[in-house]
Amino acid sequence: MIRMLGLVLSVSAVIGTIGAGVAMRGMGFKGSKKLLFGIIAASCCLVLSGAAVNLTSSPAVAAEETGIAVVNPEQASSNGLGFIGMALATGLACIGAGIAVGSVGSAAIGLVGEQPGAIGTTLIYVGLAEGVAIYGIVISMLIFSKLAS
């Protein structure tokens, strides 16, 4: 029951944010950025509180609710945190790579428009920016190999 509360908090935050955005757009609201940031902050608080509820509840409690036997509750908790670490490594690396490719790519297109012979050089820079995402995936694979053993 406790884990369900965390899930409900997280899902309600996402649905509430989407619903508020659709309602504001439907009404033709030309609001300020303060309102938008307030809604996003409230949504983040709900998601984090849902995650905190899920992380603080014991795996043994969840096992009793579902009828599944947990051999080592400490290992189950550390595995969950390992999976969160994998998700953060991949997600943040991909966000960083997206930002880098966006700025490098736009500059590269501008340069190729002026000097068409420089396309090879610009592809190298874009590839280096993409490498950041690959490093995040490699780190996630390393974390997963530690969790699987």
C-alpha atoms as a PDB file:
ATOM      1  CA  MET A   1       0.000   0.000   0.000  1.00  0.00           C
ATOM      2  CA  ILE A   2       2.860   2.380   0.790  1.00  0.00           C
ATOM      3  CA  ARG A   3       4.514   1.805  -2.588  1.00  0.00           C
ATOM      4  CA  MET A   4       1.203   2.446  -4.316  1.00  0.00           C
ATOM      5  CA  LEU A   5       1.031   5.874  -2.654  1.00  0.00           C
ATOM      6  CA  GLY A   6       4.421   6.794  -4.155  1.00  0.00           C
ATOM      7  CA  LEU A   7       3.294   5.638  -7.578  1.00  0.00           C
ATOM      8  CA  VAL A   8       0.055   7.615  -7.303  1.00  0.00           C
ATOM      9  CA  LEU A   9       1.982  10.761  -6.306  1.00  0.00           C
ATOM     10  CA  SER A  10       4.372  10.450  -9.236  1.00  0.00           C
ATOM     11  CA  VAL A  11       1.664   9.715 -11.800  1.00  0.00           C
ATOM     12  CA  SER A  12      -0.590  12.491 -10.515  1.00  0.00           C
ATOM     13  CA  ALA A  13       2.275  14.977 -10.869  1.00  0.00           C
ATOM     14  CA  VAL A  14       2.794  14.098 -14.509  1.00  0.00           C
ATOM     15  CA  ILE A  15      -0.920  14.051 -15.343  1.00  0.00           C
ATOM     16  CA  GLY A  16      -1.480  17.295 -13.432  1.00  0.00           C
ATOM     17  CA  THR A  17       1.284  19.082 -15.299  1.00  0.00           C
ATOM     18  CA  ILE A  18      -0.009  17.909 -18.669  1.00  0.00           C
ATOM     19  CA  GLY A  19      -3.587  18.804 -17.716  1.00  0.00           C
ATOM     20  CA  ALA A  20      -2.588  22.287 -16.548  1.00  0.00           C
ATOM     21  CA  GLY A  21      -0.711  22.892 -19.791  1.00  0.00           C
ATOM     22  CA  VAL A  22      -3.645  21.734 -21.933  1.00  0.00           C
ATOM     23  CA  ALA A  23      -6.113  23.821 -19.927  1.00  0.00           C
ATOM     24  CA  MET A  24      -3.947  26.942 -20.150  1.00  0.00           C
ATOM     25  CA  ARG A  25      -3.479  26.490 -23.891  1.00  0.00           C
ATOM     26  CA  GLY A  26      -7.203  25.864 -24.434  1.00  0.00           C
ATOM     27  CA  MET A  27      -8.095  29.073 -22.612  1.00  0.00           C
ATOM     28  CA  GLY A  28      -5.563  31.015 -24.657  1.00  0.00           C
ATOM     29  CA  PHE A  29      -3.663  31.921 -21.506  1.00  0.00           C
ATOM     30  CA  LYS A  30      -0.729  34.212 -22.140  1.00  0.00           C
ATOM     31  CA  GLY A  31       0.662  33.855 -18.625  1.00  0.00           C
ATOM     32  CA  SER A  32       4.037  34.668 -17.308  1.00  0.00           C
ATOM     33  CA  LYS A  33       6.943  32.334 -16.902  1.00  0.00           C
ATOM     34  CA  LYS A  34       6.504  32.461 -13.122  1.00  0.00           C
ATOM     35  CA  LEU A  35       3.304  30.443 -13.337  1.00  0.00           C
ATOM     36  CA  LEU A  36       4.930  27.897 -15.621  1.00  0.00           C
ATOM     37  CA  PHE A  37       7.899  27.502 -13.311  1.00  0.00           C
ATOM     38  CA  GLY A  38       5.562  27.216 -10.323  1.00  0.00           C
ATOM     39  CA  ILE A  39       3.649  24.369 -11.953  1.00  0.00           C
ATOM     40  CA  ILE A  40       6.876  22.615 -12.898  1.00  0.00           C
ATOM     41  CA  ALA A  41       8.242  23.066  -9.355  1.00  0.00           C
ATOM     42  CA  ALA A  42       5.069  21.606  -7.827  1.00  0.00           C
ATOM     43  CA  SER A  43       5.251  18.712 -10.269  1.00  0.00           C
ATOM     44  CA  CYS A  44       8.886  18.060  -9.372  1.00  0.00           C
ATOM     45  CA  CYS A  45       8.052  18.102  -5.662  1.00  0.00           C
ATOM     46  CA  LEU A  46       5.312  15.520  -6.182  1.00  0.00           C
ATOM     47  CA  VAL A  47       7.551  13.280  -8.280  1.00  0.00           C
ATOM     48  CA  LEU A  48      10.369  13.485  -5.726  1.00  0.00           C
ATOM     49  CA  SER A  49       8.021  12.798  -2.823  1.00  0.00           C
ATOM     50  CA  GLY A  50       6.651   9.775  -4.671  1.00  0.00           C
ATOM     51  CA  ALA A  51      10.171   8.521  -5.279  1.00  0.00           C
ATOM     52  CA  ALA A  52      11.061   9.112  -1.626  1.00  0.00           C
ATOM     53  CA  VAL A  53       8.046   7.102  -0.477  1.00  0.00           C
ATOM     54  CA  ASN A  54       9.018   4.247  -2.771  1.00  0.00           C
ATOM     55  CA  LEU A  55      12.680   4.299  -1.765  1.00  0.00           C
ATOM     56  CA  THR A  56      12.083   4.509   1.980  1.00  0.00           C
ATOM     57  CA  SER A  57       9.591   1.673   2.153  1.00  0.00           C
ATOM     58  CA  SER A  58      11.227  -1.617   2.934  1.00  0.00           C
ATOM     59  CA  PRO A  59      11.380  -4.327   0.248  1.00  0.00           C
ATOM     60  CA  ALA A  60      10.232  -6.776   2.894  1.00  0.00           C
ATOM     61  CA  VAL A  61       6.970  -4.821   3.261  1.00  0.00           C
ATOM     62  CA  ALA A  62       6.418  -4.995  -0.488  1.00  0.00           C
ATOM     63  CA  ALA A  63       7.203  -8.712  -0.436  1.00  0.00           C
ATOM     64  CA  GLU A  64       4.605  -9.299   2.280  1.00  0.00           C
ATOM     65  CA  GLU A  65       2.013  -7.391   0.272  1.00  0.00           C
ATOM     66  CA  THR A  66       2.656  -9.353  -2.914  1.00  0.00           C
ATOM     67  CA  GLY A  67       3.533 -12.704  -1.344  1.00  0.00           C
ATOM     68  CA  ILE A  68       7.015 -12.825  -2.888  1.00  0.00           C
ATOM     69  CA  ALA A  69       9.885 -13.975  -0.693  1.00  0.00           C
ATOM     70  CA  VAL A  70      12.879 -11.612  -0.473  1.00  0.00           C
ATOM     71  CA  VAL A  71      16.140 -13.385   0.295  1.00  0.00           C
ATOM     72  CA  ASN A  72      18.222 -10.307   1.114  1.00  0.00           C
ATOM     73  CA  PRO A  73      16.320  -7.013   1.575  1.00  0.00           C
ATOM     74  CA  GLU A  74      19.519  -4.916   1.678  1.00  0.00           C
ATOM     75  CA  GLN A  75      20.581  -6.222  -1.734  1.00  0.00           C
ATOM     76  CA  ALA A  76      17.155  -5.468  -3.202  1.00  0.00           C
ATOM     77  CA  SER A  77      17.375  -1.872  -1.969  1.00  0.00           C
ATOM     78  CA  SER A  78      20.881  -1.379  -3.326  1.00  0.00           C
ATOM     79  CA  ASN A  79      19.826  -2.876  -6.666  1.00  0.00           C
ATOM     80  CA  GLY A  80      17.029  -0.329  -6.887  1.00  0.00           C
ATOM     81  CA  LEU A  81      19.451   2.519  -6.246  1.00  0.00           C
ATOM     82  CA  GLY A  82      21.791   1.005  -8.843  1.00  0.00           C
ATOM     83  CA  PHE A  83      19.011   1.086 -11.418  1.00  0.00           C
ATOM     84  CA  ILE A  84      18.333   4.733 -10.558  1.00  0.00           C
ATOM     85  CA  GLY A  85      22.048   5.407 -11.060  1.00  0.00           C
ATOM     86  CA  MET A  86      21.907   3.694 -14.457  1.00  0.00           C
ATOM     87  CA  ALA A  87      18.946   5.810 -15.486  1.00  0.00           C
ATOM     88  CA  LEU A  88      20.623   9.016 -14.335  1.00  0.00           C
ATOM     89  CA  ALA A  89      23.889   8.180 -16.109  1.00  0.00           C
ATOM     90  CA  THR A  90      22.148   7.502 -19.391  1.00  0.00           C
ATOM     91  CA  GLY A  91      19.571  10.287 -19.146  1.00  0.00           C
ATOM     92  CA  LEU A  92      21.894  13.086 -18.110  1.00  0.00           C
ATOM     93  CA  ALA A  93      24.545  12.066 -20.640  1.00  0.00           C
ATOM     94  CA  CYS A  94      21.959  12.047 -23.424  1.00  0.00           C
ATOM     95  CA  ILE A  95      20.589  15.431 -22.363  1.00  0.00           C
ATOM     96  CA  GLY A  96      24.126  16.848 -22.370  1.00  0.00           C
ATOM     97  CA  ALA A  97      24.831  15.324 -25.768  1.00  0.00           C
ATOM     98  CA  GLY A  98      21.599  16.785 -27.131  1.00  0.00           C
ATOM     99  CA  ILE A  99      22.527  20.258 -25.936  1.00  0.00           C
ATOM    100  CA  ALA A 100      26.037  19.900 -27.372  1.00  0.00           C
ATOM    101  CA  VAL A 101      24.832  18.577 -30.726  1.00  0.00           C
ATOM    102  CA  GLY A 102      22.277  21.380 -30.929  1.00  0.00           C
ATOM    103  CA  SER A 103      24.846  24.132 -30.544  1.00  0.00           C
ATOM    104  CA  VAL A 104      27.630  22.434 -32.514  1.00  0.00           C
ATOM    105  CA  GLY A 105      25.246  21.343 -35.269  1.00  0.00           C
ATOM    106  CA  SER A 106      23.840  24.814 -35.823  1.00  0.00           C
ATOM    107  CA  ALA A 107      27.327  26.298 -35.979  1.00  0.00           C
ATOM    108  CA  ALA A 108      28.405  23.521 -38.361  1.00  0.00           C
ATOM    109  CA  ILE A 109      25.517  24.183 -40.726  1.00  0.00           C
ATOM    110  CA  GLY A 110      26.366  27.875 -40.735  1.00  0.00           C
ATOM    111  CA  LEU A 111      29.991  27.099 -41.565  1.00  0.00           C
ATOM    112  CA  VAL A 112      29.105  24.617 -44.315  1.00  0.00           C
ATOM    113  CA  GLY A 113      26.822  27.246 -45.846  1.00  0.00           C
ATOM    114  CA  GLU A 114      29.772  29.604 -46.159  1.00  0.00           C
ATOM    115  CA  GLN A 115      32.513  27.027 -46.877  1.00  0.00           C
ATOM    116  CA  PRO A 116      31.177  23.761 -48.356  1.00  0.00           C
ATOM    117  CA  GLY A 117      34.617  22.133 -48.146  1.00  0.00           C
ATOM    118  CA  ALA A 118      34.568  22.221 -44.320  1.00  0.00           C
ATOM    119  CA  ILE A 119      31.911  19.527 -43.938  1.00  0.00           C
ATOM    120  CA  GLY A 120      34.426  16.869 -42.864  1.00  0.00           C
ATOM    121  CA  THR A 121      35.721  18.998 -40.018  1.00  0.00           C
ATOM    122  CA  THR A 122      32.239  19.819 -38.785  1.00  0.00           C
ATOM    123  CA  LEU A 123      31.251  16.146 -38.737  1.00  0.00           C
ATOM    124  CA  ILE A 124      34.158  15.438 -36.396  1.00  0.00           C
ATOM    125  CA  TYR A 125      32.893  18.016 -33.897  1.00  0.00           C
ATOM    126  CA  VAL A 126      29.341  16.724 -34.061  1.00  0.00           C
ATOM    127  CA  GLY A 127      30.657  13.170 -33.558  1.00  0.00           C
ATOM    128  CA  LEU A 128      32.600  14.273 -30.482  1.00  0.00           C
ATOM    129  CA  ALA A 129      29.426  15.732 -29.020  1.00  0.00           C
ATOM    130  CA  GLU A 130      27.593  12.447 -29.703  1.00  0.00           C
ATOM    131  CA  GLY A 131      30.348  10.602 -27.853  1.00  0.00           C
ATOM    132  CA  VAL A 132      29.091  12.021 -24.567  1.00  0.00           C
ATOM    133  CA  ALA A 133      25.884   9.974 -24.885  1.00  0.00           C
ATOM    134  CA  ILE A 134      27.864   6.842 -25.692  1.00  0.00           C
ATOM    135  CA  TYR A 135      29.965   7.332 -22.549  1.00  0.00           C
ATOM    136  CA  GLY A 136      26.784   7.533 -20.470  1.00  0.00           C
ATOM    137  CA  ILE A 137      25.522   4.275 -21.954  1.00  0.00           C
ATOM    138  CA  VAL A 138      28.886   2.596 -21.269  1.00  0.00           C
ATOM    139  CA  ILE A 139      28.729   3.718 -17.627  1.00  0.00           C
ATOM    140  CA  SER A 140      25.193   2.305 -17.400  1.00  0.00           C
ATOM    141  CA  MET A 141      26.419  -1.025 -18.765  1.00  0.00           C
ATOM    142  CA  LEU A 142      29.232  -1.082 -16.190  1.00  0.00           C
ATOM    143  CA  ILE A 143      26.756  -0.424 -13.379  1.00  0.00           C
ATOM    144  CA  PHE A 144      24.470  -3.158 -14.707  1.00  0.00           C
ATOM    145  CA  SER A 145      27.322  -5.657 -14.837  1.00  0.00           C
ATOM    146  CA  LYS A 146      28.002  -4.947 -11.144  1.00  0.00           C
ATOM    147  CA  LEU A 147      24.314  -5.396 -10.307  1.00  0.00           C
ATOM    148  CA  ALA A 148      24.013  -8.656 -12.241  1.00  0.00           C
ATOM    149  CA  SER A 149      26.957 -10.286 -10.459  1.00  0.00           C
END
